[in-house]
Protein backbone atom coordinates (compact mmCIF):
# COMPACT_ATOMS: atom_id res chain seq x y z
CA MET A 1 -25.97 -23.16 14.65
CA SER A 2 -25.06 -26.95 15.38
CA SER A 3 -22.34 -28.03 17.07
CA GLU A 4 -21.52 -30.56 14.42
CA LEU A 5 -20.35 -28.16 11.98
CA ARG A 6 -17.75 -26.53 14.34
CA GLY A 7 -13.78 -27.63 13.76
CA ALA A 8 -14.76 -28.22 9.72
CA THR A 9 -13.41 -26.39 6.68
CA LEU A 10 -14.84 -23.71 6.26
CA VAL A 11 -15.36 -22.61 2.53
CA LEU A 12 -16.33 -19.14 1.92
CA GLY A 13 -18.07 -18.36 -1.53
CA GLY A 14 -19.47 -21.76 -1.39
CA SER A 15 -22.08 -21.00 -3.81
CA GLY A 16 -19.57 -19.76 -6.30
CA PHE A 17 -18.11 -21.22 -9.69
CA LEU A 18 -14.83 -22.30 -7.77
CA GLY A 19 -16.51 -22.77 -4.42
CA ALA A 20 -19.08 -24.77 -5.08
CA HIS A 21 -16.30 -27.23 -6.62
CA VAL A 22 -14.04 -26.70 -3.34
CA THR A 23 -16.91 -27.31 -1.14
CA ALA A 24 -17.96 -30.90 -3.68
CA VAL A 25 -14.48 -31.71 -3.15
CA ALA A 26 -13.83 -31.15 1.01
CA GLY A 27 -16.92 -33.35 0.87
CA LYS A 28 -18.66 -33.86 4.53
CA GLY A 29 -15.66 -32.23 6.31
CA ALA A 30 -16.68 -28.71 4.52
CA VAL A 31 -19.11 -26.26 5.59
CA SER A 32 -20.13 -23.51 2.67
CA ALA A 33 -21.01 -20.12 3.75
CA SER A 34 -22.52 -17.68 1.20
CA ARG A 35 -25.58 -15.72 0.76
CA ALA A 36 -27.37 -18.95 -0.25
CA PRO A 37 -26.66 -22.70 -0.81
CA GLY A 38 -24.47 -23.26 -3.98
CA PRO A 39 -25.76 -25.54 -6.46
CA ARG A 40 -23.69 -28.64 -5.45
CA SER A 41 -23.94 -27.85 -1.24
CA PRO A 42 -23.60 -31.19 0.37
CA GLY A 43 -26.32 -29.96 3.28
CA ARG A 44 -23.75 -28.25 5.20
CA PHE A 45 -24.38 -25.01 4.79
CA VAL A 46 -24.46 -21.48 6.89
CA LYS A 47 -25.76 -18.23 5.37
CA LEU A 48 -23.01 -15.40 5.32
CA ASP A 49 -22.80 -11.80 4.08
CA ALA A 50 -19.64 -10.34 4.41
CA THR A 51 -20.96 -6.98 3.54
CA VAL A 52 -23.03 -6.95 6.64
CA PRO A 53 -21.20 -5.51 9.37
CA GLY A 54 -20.54 -8.47 12.17
CA ASP A 55 -21.50 -11.05 10.27
CA LEU A 56 -18.09 -12.55 9.08
CA GLU A 57 -17.19 -12.46 13.02
CA ARG A 58 -20.83 -14.29 14.11
CA VAL A 59 -20.17 -17.02 11.62
CA LEU A 60 -16.39 -17.53 12.73
CA ALA A 61 -17.13 -17.63 16.57
CA ALA A 62 -20.24 -20.02 15.93
CA LEU A 63 -18.14 -22.79 13.40
CA ALA A 64 -14.48 -22.52 14.83
CA PRO A 65 -13.55 -23.88 11.74
CA ALA A 66 -9.82 -25.57 11.89
CA ARG A 67 -9.40 -24.48 7.88
CA ILE A 68 -10.90 -21.91 6.26
CA VAL A 69 -10.22 -21.90 2.26
CA ASP A 70 -11.41 -18.21 0.86
CA CYS A 71 -13.15 -18.28 -2.49
CA ALA A 72 -14.95 -15.47 -1.91
CA ALA A 73 -14.74 -12.19 -3.85
CA LEU A 74 -16.13 -9.67 -5.94
CA SER A 75 -14.44 -11.12 -9.25
CA SER A 76 -15.90 -9.21 -12.07
CA VAL A 77 -13.39 -6.89 -13.55
CA ALA A 78 -16.13 -4.34 -14.70
CA GLU A 79 -18.22 -4.30 -11.47
CA ALA A 80 -14.96 -3.78 -9.55
CA LYS A 81 -14.25 -0.68 -11.72
CA VAL A 82 -18.06 0.82 -10.75
CA HIS A 83 -18.08 -0.22 -7.32
CA PRO A 84 -14.45 0.43 -5.59
CA GLU A 85 -15.66 0.52 -2.40
CA LEU A 86 -17.37 -2.96 -2.14
CA VAL A 87 -14.55 -4.26 -4.11
CA ARG A 88 -12.45 -3.31 -1.54
CA ALA A 89 -14.52 -4.62 1.23
CA LEU A 90 -14.73 -7.69 -0.07
CA ASN A 91 -11.37 -8.08 -1.87
CA VAL A 92 -9.05 -6.51 0.70
CA GLU A 93 -11.17 -6.16 4.66
CA VAL A 94 -12.85 -9.55 4.15
CA PRO A 95 -9.43 -11.65 3.55
CA ARG A 96 -7.69 -9.51 6.14
CA THR A 97 -10.44 -9.97 8.82
CA LEU A 98 -9.97 -13.95 8.14
CA ALA A 99 -6.11 -14.03 8.21
CA LEU A 100 -6.40 -12.06 11.92
CA TRP A 101 -8.59 -14.59 12.91
CA CYS A 102 -6.52 -17.22 11.54
CA ALA A 103 -3.53 -15.84 12.87
CA LYS A 104 -5.07 -15.76 16.88
CA THR A 105 -6.47 -18.97 16.70
CA GLY A 106 -4.02 -21.09 14.56
CA ALA A 107 -6.69 -22.27 12.13
CA ARG A 108 -5.13 -23.10 8.62
CA PHE A 109 -5.70 -20.11 5.58
CA VAL A 110 -6.05 -20.58 2.23
CA HIS A 111 -6.59 -17.69 0.23
CA VAL A 112 -7.24 -17.83 -3.77
CA SER A 113 -5.77 -15.09 -5.32
CA THR A 114 -5.29 -14.37 -9.43
CA ASP A 115 -3.39 -14.40 -12.36
CA LEU A 116 -4.62 -10.56 -12.91
CA VAL A 117 -2.71 -9.33 -10.12
CA PHE A 118 0.01 -9.21 -13.42
CA GLY A 119 -0.40 -7.59 -16.54
CA ALA A 120 1.55 -4.60 -16.88
CA SER A 121 4.24 -6.19 -18.04
CA ASP A 122 5.13 -9.28 -19.81
CA PRO A 123 5.86 -12.38 -17.91
CA GLY A 124 9.31 -14.16 -18.49
CA PRO A 125 10.09 -17.60 -20.22
CA GLY A 126 7.33 -20.13 -18.60
CA GLY A 127 5.23 -17.58 -17.13
CA PHE A 128 4.89 -15.06 -13.77
CA ARG A 129 6.58 -16.70 -11.04
CA GLU A 130 5.75 -16.41 -7.34
CA GLU A 131 8.53 -13.86 -6.77
CA ASP A 132 7.59 -11.53 -9.60
CA PRO A 133 6.39 -8.13 -8.09
CA PRO A 134 2.31 -7.66 -8.98
CA ALA A 135 1.48 -5.71 -11.76
CA PRO A 136 -2.23 -5.48 -12.23
CA VAL A 137 -4.07 -2.96 -14.80
CA SER A 138 -7.30 -3.34 -13.40
CA GLU A 139 -9.04 -2.12 -10.44
CA TYR A 140 -9.93 -5.73 -9.86
CA GLY A 141 -6.70 -6.89 -9.78
CA ARG A 142 -5.16 -3.85 -7.86
CA SER A 143 -7.54 -5.16 -5.02
CA LYS A 144 -6.55 -8.83 -5.38
CA ALA A 145 -2.96 -7.75 -4.79
CA ALA A 146 -4.22 -5.50 -1.90
CA GLY A 147 -5.53 -8.62 -0.49
CA GLU A 148 -2.92 -10.61 -0.97
CA GLU A 149 -0.67 -8.14 1.15
CA ALA A 150 -2.92 -7.72 3.86
CA VAL A 151 -3.37 -11.94 4.54
CA LEU A 152 0.81 -12.34 4.37
CA GLU A 153 1.00 -9.08 6.67
CA ALA A 154 -1.35 -10.65 9.11
CA CYS A 155 -0.71 -14.19 9.01
CA ALA A 156 2.49 -15.65 8.63
CA SER A 157 1.33 -19.07 8.31
CA ALA A 158 -1.36 -18.56 5.45
CA LEU A 159 -1.07 -19.45 2.10
CA VAL A 160 -2.15 -17.80 -1.04
CA VAL A 161 -2.92 -19.37 -3.96
CA ARG A 162 -2.93 -17.59 -7.49
CA LEU A 163 -5.59 -19.26 -9.91
CA PRO A 164 -5.88 -18.69 -13.51
CA LEU A 165 -8.70 -18.22 -15.89
CA LEU A 166 -10.96 -21.13 -14.89
CA TYR A 167 -13.44 -23.19 -17.12
CA GLY A 168 -15.46 -26.33 -16.49
CA ASP A 169 -18.97 -27.12 -14.90
CA SER A 170 -20.79 -24.40 -13.32
CA PHE A 171 -23.78 -26.84 -12.75
CA GLY A 172 -25.94 -24.96 -14.95
CA GLN A 173 -25.42 -21.34 -13.80
CA GLY A 174 -23.21 -20.32 -17.12
CA ARG A 175 -20.04 -19.22 -15.51
CA GLY A 176 -16.52 -19.44 -16.16
CA ALA A 177 -14.48 -19.41 -19.12
CA SER A 178 -16.54 -22.54 -20.92
CA ASP A 179 -20.01 -22.61 -19.70
CA SER A 180 -20.52 -18.78 -20.32
CA LEU A 181 -19.23 -19.31 -23.72
CA LEU A 182 -21.72 -22.03 -24.27
CA ALA A 183 -24.48 -20.11 -22.63
CA ALA A 184 -23.80 -16.99 -25.11
CA ILE A 185 -23.96 -19.06 -28.04
CA ARG A 186 -27.20 -20.65 -26.41
CA ARG A 187 -28.56 -17.27 -26.60
CA GLY A 188 -27.72 -16.73 -30.47
CA GLU A 189 -24.85 -14.33 -29.76
CA ARG A 190 -21.37 -14.36 -31.44
CA PRO A 191 -19.11 -13.32 -28.72
CA LEU A 192 -15.61 -11.98 -29.16
CA PHE A 193 -12.69 -13.48 -28.27
CA PHE A 194 -9.22 -12.25 -28.06
CA THR A 195 -6.30 -13.54 -30.07
CA ASP A 196 -3.72 -11.08 -28.22
CA GLU A 197 -4.40 -12.08 -24.83
CA TRP A 198 -2.78 -15.43 -23.18
CA ARG A 199 -3.74 -17.19 -19.99
CA THR A 200 -2.70 -20.56 -18.83
CA PRO A 201 -6.42 -21.88 -18.15
CA LEU A 202 -7.37 -24.61 -15.56
CA GLU A 203 -10.34 -27.02 -15.16
CA VAL A 204 -12.19 -25.72 -12.10
CA SER A 205 -12.61 -29.44 -10.56
CA ASN A 206 -9.08 -29.96 -10.95
CA ALA A 207 -8.29 -26.27 -9.27
CA ALA A 208 -10.76 -27.12 -6.42
CA ARG A 209 -8.88 -30.68 -5.38
CA ALA A 210 -5.26 -29.03 -5.47
CA LEU A 211 -6.58 -26.62 -2.82
CA VAL A 212 -8.30 -28.80 -0.82
CA GLU A 213 -5.01 -30.77 -0.81
CA LEU A 214 -2.94 -27.73 0.09
CA ALA A 215 -5.25 -26.56 2.90
CA SER A 216 -3.66 -30.11 4.51
CA LEU A 217 -0.25 -29.12 3.89
CA ASP A 218 2.34 -26.74 5.96
CA ARG A 219 2.82 -24.37 3.33
CA ASN A 220 2.71 -20.07 3.60
CA GLY A 221 3.44 -17.58 1.41
CA LEU A 222 2.59 -17.38 -2.27
CA LEU A 223 1.85 -20.30 -4.71
CA HIS A 224 0.79 -20.63 -8.26
CA VAL A 225 -1.65 -23.30 -9.82
CA ALA A 226 -2.24 -23.19 -12.96
CA GLY A 227 -2.85 -25.50 -16.36
CA PRO A 228 0.42 -26.35 -18.51
CA ASP A 229 -1.03 -24.86 -21.58
CA ARG A 230 -0.62 -21.13 -22.59
CA MET A 231 -2.60 -19.96 -24.99
CA THR A 232 -5.09 -17.20 -25.98
CA ARG A 233 -8.86 -16.41 -25.09
CA TYR A 234 -9.63 -17.11 -28.81
CA GLU A 235 -7.76 -20.51 -28.91
CA LEU A 236 -9.44 -21.77 -25.62
CA ALA A 237 -12.98 -20.79 -26.96
CA LEU A 238 -12.05 -22.78 -30.29
CA ALA A 239 -10.95 -25.64 -28.02
CA VAL A 240 -14.26 -25.52 -25.85
CA LEU A 241 -16.43 -25.92 -29.14
CA GLU A 242 -14.55 -28.44 -30.76
CA SER A 243 -14.50 -30.70 -27.25
CA ARG A 244 -18.43 -30.47 -27.72
CA GLY A 245 -18.22 -32.02 -31.16
CA MET A 246 -17.83 -29.02 -33.41
CA LEU A 247 -15.83 -29.08 -36.17
CA ALA A 248 -13.53 -26.43 -36.52
CA GLU A 249 -14.69 -24.20 -39.31
CA GLU A 250 -18.14 -24.14 -37.37
CA ALA A 251 -16.53 -23.68 -34.32
CA ARG A 252 -14.78 -20.34 -36.07
CA ALA A 253 -18.30 -19.06 -37.21
CA ARG A 254 -19.77 -19.10 -33.75
CA ILE A 255 -17.26 -16.52 -32.10
CA ARG A 256 -15.55 -13.63 -33.52
CA ALA A 257 -11.70 -13.23 -33.17
CA GLY A 258 -10.22 -9.66 -32.41
CA THR A 259 -7.77 -7.69 -30.34
CA ARG A 260 -7.99 -5.74 -27.47
CA ALA A 261 -6.85 -2.48 -29.39
CA GLU A 262 -9.77 -3.22 -31.79
CA ALA A 263 -12.22 -3.38 -28.56
CA GLY A 264 -10.39 -0.59 -26.99
CA LEU A 265 -9.29 -2.37 -24.30
CA GLU A 266 -5.32 -2.49 -24.94
CA GLU A 267 -4.80 -0.34 -21.77
CA THR A 268 -7.02 -1.68 -19.50
CA ARG A 269 -6.98 -6.24 -20.52
CA PRO A 270 -3.63 -7.56 -19.68
CA ARG A 271 -1.77 -9.23 -22.70
CA ASP A 272 -0.17 -11.83 -21.07
CA THR A 273 -1.17 -13.14 -17.33
CA SER A 274 0.25 -16.45 -17.72
CA LEU A 275 1.47 -18.39 -14.54
CA ASP A 276 4.52 -20.27 -14.04
CA ALA A 277 3.17 -23.12 -11.59
CA SER A 278 6.43 -25.51 -11.53
CA ARG A 279 6.84 -25.00 -7.85
CA ALA A 280 3.12 -26.41 -7.25
CA ARG A 281 3.83 -29.27 -9.66
CA GLY A 282 6.52 -30.10 -7.34
CA LEU A 283 4.80 -30.17 -3.64
CA ILE A 284 1.38 -31.45 -4.21
CA SER A 285 0.06 -34.88 -5.61
CA THR A 286 -3.11 -33.47 -7.61
CA ARG A 287 -1.95 -33.30 -11.26
CA LEU A 288 -2.62 -30.23 -12.82
CA LEU A 289 -4.43 -31.01 -16.40
CA GLY A 290 -3.50 -29.58 -19.46
CA LEU A 291 -6.58 -28.14 -21.84
CA ARG A 292 -7.46 -31.38 -23.48
CA GLU A 293 -7.49 -33.75 -20.69
CA GLY A 294 -9.19 -30.55 -18.65
CA LEU A 295 -12.02 -30.32 -21.52
CA ALA A 296 -12.79 -33.97 -21.64
CA ARG A 297 -13.18 -34.31 -18.02
CA GLY A 298 -15.80 -31.78 -18.37
CA GLU A 299 -17.94 -33.69 -21.19
């Protein structure tokens, strides 16, 4: 492994939806680490399979990164339910290993978590705050909550950033809230979106800029980074289609509206995981975009 990569910002999960944007924003100072190069890797890439024993430690020893932004996770709620051992390995044990290494070496560690650590109860006015106790309803949410705890116990200087539902350009991969919808429509599908599931979505490159900025700051503990607009998944889907030039009537015809109960998911899919990001807005210079401006960025 080239010595010129040592001391860089290591982006775990650099080939993923979020990680590809973090790598692009960090630019020449970043090294993307994942099983395969991402769609926007800037030429600084190391192969890493965190499921292979010792591979993570090998990369850390070879690179000695000054900063780590951990975007890697098993993020599928459905897969997490089917593969509980794998989800614990990737969402709990890998972050713990990274945190222990950073505590030992003094490297900066920013770990990405999710709004789905909430959901068993509704938030207060303005959304969930950092001091609200996690109460997930899915195996994925439980694994991410356990990962947060593991990181903060292992490394006092670590920052755990909870992100909301992300939308935006996935570089042709059909990932995220907007590109997955558009890909489904191209396949001739008419996907279902819930009218009783509220989120505070954020454009993915906007989230990446916030993470890269936070990696340069001396901040630890928990932080919520989310968009200012609370909306249902159905409202978000309509807005995505209308931003692509569809009239409202056509957009409604392309998707289906329904409730979690009608889909048999009322107990396992949270009703409201809106995040209060006022603390982050007072801390970073990166402006967290509302939906209209975020969708315009991706056009």
